[in-house]
Amino acid sequence: MLNALLTGSDPASIALRAQIPHTQVADRCGCGCVTVDLTVDRAAAPPAPAHGNPAADAWYVEPEDAGVMVFTKDGYPSLLEIYSASSEPITAWPQPRFVER
């Protein structure tokens, strides 16, 4: 999912993509959705240059009412959030091919 979101050619996207192999899920959201907190081995990859937050966001083509965002802290991915316009939490990650940037 991070690869699908961080497709830009800007320096921040490039640096964040380089961190993906060193990124792990640290915790899961308590509401039942698939949002996850992330942690990065900071000794293995330098931080991304300054950028906005969320670092990337997109809507899904399927399901139609869902979106995804990646947030960073100190230049490293910290949260991969999925959200829905409906009241039901999304309990499974849609395929990255359904991301529409």
PDB file of N, CA and C in Angstrom:
ATOM      1  N   MET A   1       0.819  -1.185   0.000  1.00  0.00           N
ATOM      2  CA  MET A   1       0.000   0.000   0.000  1.00  0.00           C
ATOM      3  C   MET A   1       0.868   1.257   0.000  1.00  0.00           C
ATOM      4  N   LEU A   2       1.943   1.237   0.770  1.00  0.00           N
ATOM      5  CA  LEU A   2       2.837   2.399   0.796  1.00  0.00           C
ATOM      6  C   LEU A   2       3.416   2.672  -0.587  1.00  0.00           C
ATOM      7  N   ASN A   3       3.812   1.631  -1.298  1.00  0.00           N
ATOM      8  CA  ASN A   3       4.319   1.813  -2.665  1.00  0.00           C
ATOM      9  C   ASN A   3       3.277   2.449  -3.558  1.00  0.00           C
ATOM     10  N   ALA A   4       2.026   2.046  -3.419  1.00  0.00           N
ATOM     11  CA  ALA A   4       0.942   2.586  -4.246  1.00  0.00           C
ATOM     12  C   ALA A   4       0.693   4.063  -3.929  1.00  0.00           C
ATOM     13  N   LEU A   5       0.881   4.462  -2.684  1.00  0.00           N
ATOM     14  CA  LEU A   5       0.649   5.850  -2.281  1.00  0.00           C
ATOM     15  C   LEU A   5       1.817   6.771  -2.593  1.00  0.00           C
ATOM     16  N   LEU A   6       3.020   6.289  -2.427  1.00  0.00           N
ATOM     17  CA  LEU A   6       4.213   7.138  -2.523  1.00  0.00           C
ATOM     18  C   LEU A   6       4.833   7.055  -3.912  1.00  0.00           C
ATOM     19  N   THR A   7       4.045   7.386  -4.919  1.00  0.00           N
ATOM     20  CA  THR A   7       4.495   7.234  -6.303  1.00  0.00           C
ATOM     21  C   THR A   7       5.178   8.471  -6.863  1.00  0.00           C
ATOM     22  N   GLY A   8       5.210   9.561  -6.123  1.00  0.00           N
ATOM     23  CA  GLY A   8       5.755  10.808  -6.644  1.00  0.00           C
ATOM     24  C   GLY A   8       7.246  10.762  -6.898  1.00  0.00           C
ATOM     25  N   SER A   9       7.688  11.706  -7.721  1.00  0.00           N
ATOM     26  CA  SER A   9       9.122  11.813  -8.022  1.00  0.00           C
ATOM     27  C   SER A   9       9.791  12.903  -7.178  1.00  0.00           C
ATOM     28  N   ASP A  10       9.044  13.462  -6.225  1.00  0.00           N
ATOM     29  CA  ASP A  10       9.600  14.490  -5.348  1.00  0.00           C
ATOM     30  C   ASP A  10      10.539  13.840  -4.331  1.00  0.00           C
ATOM     31  N   PRO A  11      11.469  14.595  -3.777  1.00  0.00           N
ATOM     32  CA  PRO A  11      12.451  14.026  -2.841  1.00  0.00           C
ATOM     33  C   PRO A  11      11.828  13.328  -1.626  1.00  0.00           C
ATOM     34  N   ALA A  12      10.728  13.858  -1.095  1.00  0.00           N
ATOM     35  CA  ALA A  12      10.104  13.235   0.077  1.00  0.00           C
ATOM     36  C   ALA A  12       9.544  11.860  -0.273  1.00  0.00           C
ATOM     37  N   SER A  13       8.842  11.753  -1.392  1.00  0.00           N
ATOM     38  CA  SER A  13       8.283  10.450  -1.797  1.00  0.00           C
ATOM     39  C   SER A  13       9.388   9.441  -2.057  1.00  0.00           C
ATOM     40  N   ILE A  14      10.447   9.869  -2.696  1.00  0.00           N
ATOM     41  CA  ILE A  14      11.575   8.967  -2.980  1.00  0.00           C
ATOM     42  C   ILE A  14      12.184   8.459  -1.669  1.00  0.00           C
ATOM     43  N   ALA A  15      12.409   9.366  -0.716  1.00  0.00           N
ATOM     44  CA  ALA A  15      12.999   8.972   0.565  1.00  0.00           C
ATOM     45  C   ALA A  15      12.061   8.055   1.353  1.00  0.00           C
ATOM     46  N   LEU A  16      10.766   8.356   1.339  1.00  0.00           N
ATOM     47  CA  LEU A  16       9.808   7.519   2.065  1.00  0.00           C
ATOM     48  C   LEU A  16       9.702   6.124   1.438  1.00  0.00           C
ATOM     49  N   ARG A  17       9.756   6.045   0.115  1.00  0.00           N
ATOM     50  CA  ARG A  17       9.755   4.725  -0.534  1.00  0.00           C
ATOM     51  C   ARG A  17      10.992   3.921  -0.148  1.00  0.00           C
ATOM     52  N   ALA A  18      12.128   4.580  -0.014  1.00  0.00           N
ATOM     53  CA  ALA A  18      13.365   3.891   0.371  1.00  0.00           C
ATOM     54  C   ALA A  18      13.270   3.337   1.795  1.00  0.00           C
ATOM     55  N   GLN A  19      12.393   3.890   2.608  1.00  0.00           N
ATOM     56  CA  GLN A  19      12.220   3.430   3.984  1.00  0.00           C
ATOM     57  C   GLN A  19      11.302   2.210   4.094  1.00  0.00           C
ATOM     58  N   ILE A  20      10.538   1.912   3.055  1.00  0.00           N
ATOM     59  CA  ILE A  20       9.539   0.838   3.125  1.00  0.00           C
ATOM     60  C   ILE A  20      10.136  -0.497   3.571  1.00  0.00           C
ATOM     61  N   PRO A  21      11.293  -0.927   3.055  1.00  0.00           N
ATOM     62  CA  PRO A  21      11.832  -2.221   3.513  1.00  0.00           C
ATOM     63  C   PRO A  21      12.173  -2.251   5.007  1.00  0.00           C
ATOM     64  N   HIS A  22      12.269  -1.088   5.615  1.00  0.00           N
ATOM     65  CA  HIS A  22      12.649  -0.986   7.020  1.00  0.00           C
ATOM     66  C   HIS A  22      11.454  -0.611   7.908  1.00  0.00           C
ATOM     67  N   THR A  23      10.257  -0.678   7.340  1.00  0.00           N
ATOM     68  CA  THR A  23       9.032  -0.276   8.020  1.00  0.00           C
ATOM     69  C   THR A  23       8.243  -1.498   8.467  1.00  0.00           C
ATOM     70  N   GLN A  24       7.728  -1.437   9.691  1.00  0.00           N
ATOM     71  CA  GLN A  24       6.918  -2.518  10.232  1.00  0.00           C
ATOM     72  C   GLN A  24       5.672  -1.961  10.906  1.00  0.00           C
ATOM     73  N   VAL A  25       4.669  -2.809  11.028  1.00  0.00           N
ATOM     74  CA  VAL A  25       3.464  -2.455  11.773  1.00  0.00           C
ATOM     75  C   VAL A  25       3.802  -2.517  13.254  1.00  0.00           C
ATOM     76  N   ALA A  26       3.510  -1.429  13.966  1.00  0.00           N
ATOM     77  CA  ALA A  26       3.783  -1.354  15.404  1.00  0.00           C
ATOM     78  C   ALA A  26       2.532  -1.634  16.227  1.00  0.00           C
ATOM     79  N   ASP A  27       1.360  -1.267  15.683  1.00  0.00           N
ATOM     80  CA  ASP A  27       0.102  -1.429  16.415  1.00  0.00           C
ATOM     81  C   ASP A  27      -1.046  -1.297  15.437  1.00  0.00           C
ATOM     82  N   ARG A  28      -2.212  -1.717  15.864  1.00  0.00           N
ATOM     83  CA  ARG A  28      -3.418  -1.634  15.036  1.00  0.00           C
ATOM     84  C   ARG A  28      -4.452  -0.760  15.728  1.00  0.00           C
ATOM     85  N   CYS A  29      -5.334  -0.192  14.938  1.00  0.00           N
ATOM     86  CA  CYS A  29      -6.407   0.648  15.464  1.00  0.00           C
ATOM     87  C   CYS A  29      -7.351  -0.209  16.316  1.00  0.00           C
ATOM     88  N   GLY A  30      -7.869   0.362  17.364  1.00  0.00           N
ATOM     89  CA  GLY A  30      -8.759  -0.364  18.262  1.00  0.00           C
ATOM     90  C   GLY A  30     -10.214  -0.401  17.830  1.00  0.00           C
ATOM     91  N   CYS A  31     -10.586   0.319  16.759  1.00  0.00           N
ATOM     92  CA  CYS A  31     -11.996   0.382  16.362  1.00  0.00           C
ATOM     93  C   CYS A  31     -12.435  -0.795  15.496  1.00  0.00           C
ATOM     94  N   GLY A  32     -11.477  -1.589  15.041  1.00  0.00           N
ATOM     95  CA  GLY A  32     -11.827  -2.711  14.177  1.00  0.00           C
ATOM     96  C   GLY A  32     -11.459  -2.494  12.721  1.00  0.00           C
ATOM     97  N   CYS A  33     -11.040  -1.271  12.376  1.00  0.00           N
ATOM     98  CA  CYS A  33     -10.596  -1.022  10.999  1.00  0.00           C
ATOM     99  C   CYS A  33      -9.154  -1.507  10.850  1.00  0.00           C
ATOM    100  N   VAL A  34      -8.616  -1.400   9.661  1.00  0.00           N
ATOM    101  CA  VAL A  34      -7.268  -1.913   9.414  1.00  0.00           C
ATOM    102  C   VAL A  34      -6.176  -0.835   9.471  1.00  0.00           C
ATOM    103  N   THR A  35      -6.491   0.330   9.984  1.00  0.00           N
ATOM    104  CA  THR A  35      -5.492   1.381  10.175  1.00  0.00           C
ATOM    105  C   THR A  35      -4.378   0.860  11.086  1.00  0.00           C
ATOM    106  N   VAL A  36      -3.130   1.204  10.736  1.00  0.00           N
ATOM    107  CA  VAL A  36      -1.994   0.712  11.525  1.00  0.00           C
ATOM    108  C   VAL A  36      -1.013   1.833  11.850  1.00  0.00           C
ATOM    109  N   ASP A  37      -0.418   1.726  13.027  1.00  0.00           N
ATOM    110  CA  ASP A  37       0.728   2.557  13.388  1.00  0.00           C
ATOM    111  C   ASP A  37       1.961   1.882  12.820  1.00  0.00           C
ATOM    112  N   LEU A  38       2.893   2.691  12.338  1.00  0.00           N
ATOM    113  CA  LEU A  38       4.107   2.164  11.716  1.00  0.00           C
ATOM    114  C   LEU A  38       5.342   2.585  12.495  1.00  0.00           C
ATOM    115  N   THR A  39       6.368   1.779  12.384  1.00  0.00           N
ATOM    116  CA  THR A  39       7.667   2.108  12.952  1.00  0.00           C
ATOM    117  C   THR A  39       8.721   1.799  11.895  1.00  0.00           C
ATOM    118  N   VAL A  40       9.771   2.596  11.895  1.00  0.00           N
ATOM    119  CA  VAL A  40      10.848   2.438  10.913  1.00  0.00           C
ATOM    120  C   VAL A  40      12.165   2.289  11.658  1.00  0.00           C
ATOM    121  N   ASP A  41      13.005   1.378  11.190  1.00  0.00           N
ATOM    122  CA  ASP A  41      14.355   1.241  11.723  1.00  0.00           C
ATOM    123  C   ASP A  41      15.137   2.469  11.261  1.00  0.00           C
ATOM    124  N   ARG A  42      15.257   3.441  12.121  1.00  0.00           N
ATOM    125  CA  ARG A  42      15.866   4.720  11.756  1.00  0.00           C
ATOM    126  C   ARG A  42      17.364   4.618  11.503  1.00  0.00           C
ATOM    127  N   ALA A  43      17.991   3.564  11.987  1.00  0.00           N
ATOM    128  CA  ALA A  43      19.416   3.362  11.716  1.00  0.00           C
ATOM    129  C   ALA A  43      19.630   2.859  10.287  1.00  0.00           C
ATOM    130  N   ALA A  44      18.580   2.327   9.673  1.00  0.00           N
ATOM    131  CA  ALA A  44      18.703   1.729   8.342  1.00  0.00           C
ATOM    132  C   ALA A  44      18.374   2.696   7.207  1.00  0.00           C
ATOM    133  N   ALA A  45      17.718   3.825   7.517  1.00  0.00           N
ATOM    134  CA  ALA A  45      17.313   4.752   6.459  1.00  0.00           C
ATOM    135  C   ALA A  45      17.259   6.170   7.008  1.00  0.00           C
ATOM    136  N   PRO A  46      17.744   7.143   6.232  1.00  0.00           N
ATOM    137  CA  PRO A  46      17.681   8.532   6.688  1.00  0.00           C
ATOM    138  C   PRO A  46      16.239   9.055   6.607  1.00  0.00           C
ATOM    139  N   PRO A  47      15.921  10.118   7.333  1.00  0.00           N
ATOM    140  CA  PRO A  47      14.577  10.684   7.270  1.00  0.00           C
ATOM    141  C   PRO A  47      14.320  11.357   5.922  1.00  0.00           C
ATOM    142  N   ALA A  48      13.066  11.444   5.580  1.00  0.00           N
ATOM    143  CA  ALA A  48      12.673  12.169   4.375  1.00  0.00           C
ATOM    144  C   ALA A  48      12.827  13.665   4.627  1.00  0.00           C
ATOM    145  N   PRO A  49      13.069  14.444   3.564  1.00  0.00           N
ATOM    146  CA  PRO A  49      13.118  15.900   3.744  1.00  0.00           C
ATOM    147  C   PRO A  49      11.744  16.430   4.148  1.00  0.00           C
ATOM    148  N   ALA A  50      11.713  17.653   4.596  1.00  0.00           N
ATOM    149  CA  ALA A  50      10.465  18.271   5.039  1.00  0.00           C
ATOM    150  C   ALA A  50       9.385  18.146   3.968  1.00  0.00           C
ATOM    151  N   HIS A  51       8.164  17.856   4.428  1.00  0.00           N
ATOM    152  CA  HIS A  51       7.018  17.676   3.529  1.00  0.00           C
ATOM    153  C   HIS A  51       5.746  17.870   4.335  1.00  0.00           C
ATOM    154  N   GLY A  52       4.615  17.941   3.643  1.00  0.00           N
ATOM    155  CA  GLY A  52       3.330  18.102   4.309  1.00  0.00           C
ATOM    156  C   GLY A  52       2.855  16.807   4.936  1.00  0.00           C
ATOM    157  N   ASN A  53       1.809  16.917   5.749  1.00  0.00           N
ATOM    158  CA  ASN A  53       1.183  15.752   6.357  1.00  0.00           C
ATOM    159  C   ASN A  53      -0.313  15.830   6.116  1.00  0.00           C
ATOM    160  N   PRO A  54      -0.964  14.854   5.548  1.00  0.00           N
ATOM    161  CA  PRO A  54      -0.396  13.558   5.234  1.00  0.00           C
ATOM    162  C   PRO A  54       0.630  13.665   4.108  1.00  0.00           C
ATOM    163  N   ALA A  55       1.570  12.735   4.115  1.00  0.00           N
ATOM    164  CA  ALA A  55       2.599  12.718   3.074  1.00  0.00           C
ATOM    165  C   ALA A  55       2.004  12.304   1.741  1.00  0.00           C
ATOM    166  N   ALA A  56       0.956  11.505   1.786  1.00  0.00           N
ATOM    167  CA  ALA A  56       0.244  11.089   0.576  1.00  0.00           C
ATOM    168  C   ALA A  56      -1.159  10.669   0.965  1.00  0.00           C
ATOM    169  N   ASP A  57      -2.099  10.864   0.051  1.00  0.00           N
ATOM    170  CA  ASP A  57      -3.461  10.392   0.277  1.00  0.00           C
ATOM    171  C   ASP A  57      -4.099  10.060  -1.058  1.00  0.00           C
ATOM    172  N   ALA A  58      -5.088   9.205  -1.013  1.00  0.00           N
ATOM    173  CA  ALA A  58      -5.759   8.764  -2.236  1.00  0.00           C
ATOM    174  C   ALA A  58      -7.129   8.195  -1.886  1.00  0.00           C
ATOM    175  N   TRP A  59      -7.966   8.141  -2.889  1.00  0.00           N
ATOM    176  CA  TRP A  59      -9.263   7.470  -2.774  1.00  0.00           C
ATOM    177  C   TRP A  59      -9.147   6.105  -3.413  1.00  0.00           C
ATOM    178  N   TYR A  60     -10.024   5.233  -3.031  1.00  0.00           N
ATOM    179  CA  TYR A  60     -10.111   3.927  -3.675  1.00  0.00           C
ATOM    180  C   TYR A  60     -11.174   3.969  -4.751  1.00  0.00           C
ATOM    181  N   VAL A  61     -10.933   3.309  -5.853  1.00  0.00           N
ATOM    182  CA  VAL A  61     -11.943   3.122  -6.886  1.00  0.00           C
ATOM    183  C   VAL A  61     -12.966   2.117  -6.361  1.00  0.00           C
ATOM    184  N   GLU A  62     -12.464   1.129  -5.623  1.00  0.00           N
ATOM    185  CA  GLU A  62     -13.320   0.117  -5.018  1.00  0.00           C
ATOM    186  C   GLU A  62     -12.747  -0.236  -3.665  1.00  0.00           C
ATOM    187  N   PRO A  63     -13.425  -0.067  -2.561  1.00  0.00           N
ATOM    188  CA  PRO A  63     -14.773   0.456  -2.429  1.00  0.00           C
ATOM    189  C   PRO A  63     -14.797   1.964  -2.678  1.00  0.00           C
ATOM    190  N   GLU A  64     -15.912   2.434  -3.175  1.00  0.00           N
ATOM    191  CA  GLU A  64     -16.027   3.835  -3.619  1.00  0.00           C
ATOM    192  C   GLU A  64     -15.924   4.850  -2.495  1.00  0.00           C
ATOM    193  N   ASP A  65     -16.358   4.514  -1.320  1.00  0.00           N
ATOM    194  CA  ASP A  65     -16.425   5.506  -0.244  1.00  0.00           C
ATOM    195  C   ASP A  65     -15.236   5.452   0.704  1.00  0.00           C
ATOM    196  N   ALA A  66     -14.102   4.924   0.248  1.00  0.00           N
ATOM    197  CA  ALA A  66     -12.947   4.743   1.132  1.00  0.00           C
ATOM    198  C   ALA A  66     -11.730   5.503   0.620  1.00  0.00           C
ATOM    199  N   GLY A  67     -10.898   5.880   1.548  1.00  0.00           N
ATOM    200  CA  GLY A  67      -9.644   6.545   1.216  1.00  0.00           C
ATOM    201  C   GLY A  67      -8.539   6.045   2.113  1.00  0.00           C
ATOM    202  N   VAL A  68      -7.326   6.434   1.779  1.00  0.00           N
ATOM    203  CA  VAL A  68      -6.166   6.011   2.543  1.00  0.00           C
ATOM    204  C   VAL A  68      -5.169   7.160   2.597  1.00  0.00           C
ATOM    205  N   MET A  69      -4.489   7.296   3.744  1.00  0.00           N
ATOM    206  CA  MET A  69      -3.488   8.336   3.928  1.00  0.00           C
ATOM    207  C   MET A  69      -2.297   7.753   4.667  1.00  0.00           C
ATOM    208  N   VAL A  70      -1.115   8.279   4.363  1.00  0.00           N
ATOM    209  CA  VAL A  70       0.071   7.940   5.140  1.00  0.00           C
ATOM    210  C   VAL A  70       0.574   9.222   5.796  1.00  0.00           C
ATOM    211  N   PHE A  71       0.724   9.148   7.107  1.00  0.00           N
ATOM    212  CA  PHE A  71       1.237  10.264   7.890  1.00  0.00           C
ATOM    213  C   PHE A  71       2.664   9.946   8.321  1.00  0.00           C
ATOM    214  N   THR A  72       3.435  11.005   8.534  1.00  0.00           N
ATOM    215  CA  THR A  72       4.820  10.820   8.960  1.00  0.00           C
ATOM    216  C   THR A  72       5.083  11.600  10.236  1.00  0.00           C
ATOM    217  N   LYS A  73       6.145  11.198  10.903  1.00  0.00           N
ATOM    218  CA  LYS A  73       6.636  11.929  12.074  1.00  0.00           C
ATOM    219  C   LYS A  73       8.152  11.939  11.978  1.00  0.00           C
ATOM    220  N   ASP A  74       8.729  13.108  12.038  1.00  0.00           N
ATOM    221  CA  ASP A  74      10.188  13.264  11.974  1.00  0.00           C
ATOM    222  C   ASP A  74      10.784  12.674  10.701  1.00  0.00           C
ATOM    223  N   GLY A  75      10.023  12.687   9.592  1.00  0.00           N
ATOM    224  CA  GLY A  75      10.534  12.209   8.312  1.00  0.00           C
ATOM    225  C   GLY A  75      10.392  10.712   8.080  1.00  0.00           C
ATOM    226  N   TYR A  76       9.598  10.032   8.924  1.00  0.00           N
ATOM    227  CA  TYR A  76       9.401   8.593   8.799  1.00  0.00           C
ATOM    228  C   TYR A  76       7.905   8.269   8.828  1.00  0.00           C
ATOM    229  N   PRO A  77       7.457   7.250   8.071  1.00  0.00           N
ATOM    230  CA  PRO A  77       6.040   6.859   8.128  1.00  0.00           C
ATOM    231  C   PRO A  77       5.657   6.473   9.559  1.00  0.00           C
ATOM    232  N   SER A  78       4.524   6.995  10.021  1.00  0.00           N
ATOM    233  CA  SER A  78       4.087   6.694  11.388  1.00  0.00           C
ATOM    234  C   SER A  78       2.671   6.134  11.445  1.00  0.00           C
ATOM    235  N   LEU A  79       1.859   6.377  10.407  1.00  0.00           N
ATOM    236  CA  LEU A  79       0.466   5.932  10.426  1.00  0.00           C
ATOM    237  C   LEU A  79      -0.014   5.693   9.000  1.00  0.00           C
ATOM    238  N   LEU A  80      -0.599   4.550   8.771  1.00  0.00           N
ATOM    239  CA  LEU A  80      -1.259   4.236   7.509  1.00  0.00           C
ATOM    240  C   LEU A  80      -2.732   4.114   7.844  1.00  0.00           C
ATOM    241  N   GLU A  81      -3.505   5.120   7.453  1.00  0.00           N
ATOM    242  CA  GLU A  81      -4.906   5.227   7.863  1.00  0.00           C
ATOM    243  C   GLU A  81      -5.842   4.984   6.695  1.00  0.00           C
ATOM    244  N   ILE A  82      -6.811   4.119   6.923  1.00  0.00           N
ATOM    245  CA  ILE A  82      -7.877   3.909   5.962  1.00  0.00           C
ATOM    246  C   ILE A  82      -9.136   4.507   6.571  1.00  0.00           C
ATOM    247  N   TYR A  83      -9.948   5.124   5.743  1.00  0.00           N
ATOM    248  CA  TYR A  83     -11.175   5.734   6.258  1.00  0.00           C
ATOM    249  C   TYR A  83     -12.299   5.531   5.271  1.00  0.00           C
ATOM    250  N   SER A  84     -13.491   5.684   5.772  1.00  0.00           N
ATOM    251  CA  SER A  84     -14.675   5.447   4.960  1.00  0.00           C
ATOM    252  C   SER A  84     -15.688   6.556   5.199  1.00  0.00           C
ATOM    253  N   ALA A  85     -16.415   6.918   4.156  1.00  0.00           N
ATOM    254  CA  ALA A  85     -17.482   7.907   4.286  1.00  0.00           C
ATOM    255  C   ALA A  85     -18.721   7.269   4.912  1.00  0.00           C
ATOM    256  N   SER A  86     -18.790   5.957   4.934  1.00  0.00           N
ATOM    257  CA  SER A  86     -19.913   5.273   5.572  1.00  0.00           C
ATOM    258  C   SER A  86     -19.601   5.087   7.054  1.00  0.00           C
ATOM    259  N   SER A  87     -20.559   4.624   7.793  1.00  0.00           N
ATOM    260  CA  SER A  87     -20.355   4.442   9.232  1.00  0.00           C
ATOM    261  C   SER A  87     -19.682   3.114   9.574  1.00  0.00           C
ATOM    262  N   GLU A  88     -19.543   2.238   8.609  1.00  0.00           N
ATOM    263  CA  GLU A  88     -18.929   0.933   8.849  1.00  0.00           C
ATOM    264  C   GLU A  88     -17.416   1.008   8.689  1.00  0.00           C
ATOM    265  N   PRO A  89     -16.656   0.471   9.646  1.00  0.00           N
ATOM    266  CA  PRO A  89     -15.198   0.457   9.479  1.00  0.00           C
ATOM    267  C   PRO A  89     -14.788  -0.515   8.377  1.00  0.00           C
ATOM    268  N   ILE A  90     -13.686  -0.216   7.726  1.00  0.00           N
ATOM    269  CA  ILE A  90     -13.153  -1.093   6.693  1.00  0.00           C
ATOM    270  C   ILE A  90     -12.254  -2.098   7.403  1.00  0.00           C
ATOM    271  N   THR A  91     -12.581  -3.368   7.275  1.00  0.00           N
ATOM    272  CA  THR A  91     -11.906  -4.398   8.047  1.00  0.00           C
ATOM    273  C   THR A  91     -10.901  -5.217   7.237  1.00  0.00           C
ATOM    274  N   ALA A  92     -10.721  -4.885   5.966  1.00  0.00           N
ATOM    275  CA  ALA A  92      -9.717  -5.549   5.128  1.00  0.00           C
ATOM    276  C   ALA A  92      -9.158  -4.516   4.168  1.00  0.00           C
ATOM    277  N   TRP A  93      -7.849  -4.573   3.927  1.00  0.00           N
ATOM    278  CA  TRP A  93      -7.237  -3.620   3.001  1.00  0.00           C
ATOM    279  C   TRP A  93      -7.683  -3.915   1.576  1.00  0.00           C
ATOM    280  N   PRO A  94      -8.208  -2.919   0.859  1.00  0.00           N
ATOM    281  CA  PRO A  94      -8.473  -3.099  -0.570  1.00  0.00           C
ATOM    282  C   PRO A  94      -7.142  -3.302  -1.298  1.00  0.00           C
ATOM    283  N   GLN A  95      -7.201  -3.881  -2.452  1.00  0.00           N
ATOM    284  CA  GLN A  95      -5.998  -4.097  -3.253  1.00  0.00           C
ATOM    285  C   GLN A  95      -5.379  -2.752  -3.642  1.00  0.00           C
ATOM    286  N   PRO A  96      -4.053  -2.631  -3.602  1.00  0.00           N
ATOM    287  CA  PRO A  96      -3.392  -1.374  -3.982  1.00  0.00           C
ATOM    288  C   PRO A  96      -3.751  -0.935  -5.403  1.00  0.00           C
ATOM    289  N   ARG A  97      -4.095  -1.849  -6.272  1.00  0.00           N
ATOM    290  CA  ARG A  97      -4.452  -1.473  -7.662  1.00  0.00           C
ATOM    291  C   ARG A  97      -5.706  -0.621  -7.726  1.00  0.00           C
ATOM    292  N   PHE A  98      -6.486  -0.592  -6.636  1.00  0.00           N
ATOM    293  CA  PHE A  98      -7.703   0.219  -6.601  1.00  0.00           C
ATOM    294  C   PHE A  98      -7.459   1.638  -6.095  1.00  0.00           C
ATOM    295  N   VAL A  99      -6.215   1.975  -5.757  1.00  0.00           N
ATOM    296  CA  VAL A  99      -5.878   3.325  -5.317  1.00  0.00           C
ATOM    297  C   VAL A  99      -5.925   4.265  -6.513  1.00  0.00           C
ATOM    298  N   GLU A 100      -6.600   5.380  -6.328  1.00  0.00           N
ATOM    299  CA  GLU A 100      -6.709   6.394  -7.380  1.00  0.00           C
ATOM    300  C   GLU A 100      -6.147   7.694  -6.845  1.00  0.00           C
ATOM    301  N   ARG A 101      -4.984   8.058  -7.340  1.00  0.00           N
ATOM    302  CA  ARG A 101      -4.311   9.276  -6.865  1.00  0.00           C
ATOM    303  C   ARG A 101      -4.740  10.472  -7.638  1.00  0.00           C
TER     304      ARG A 101
END
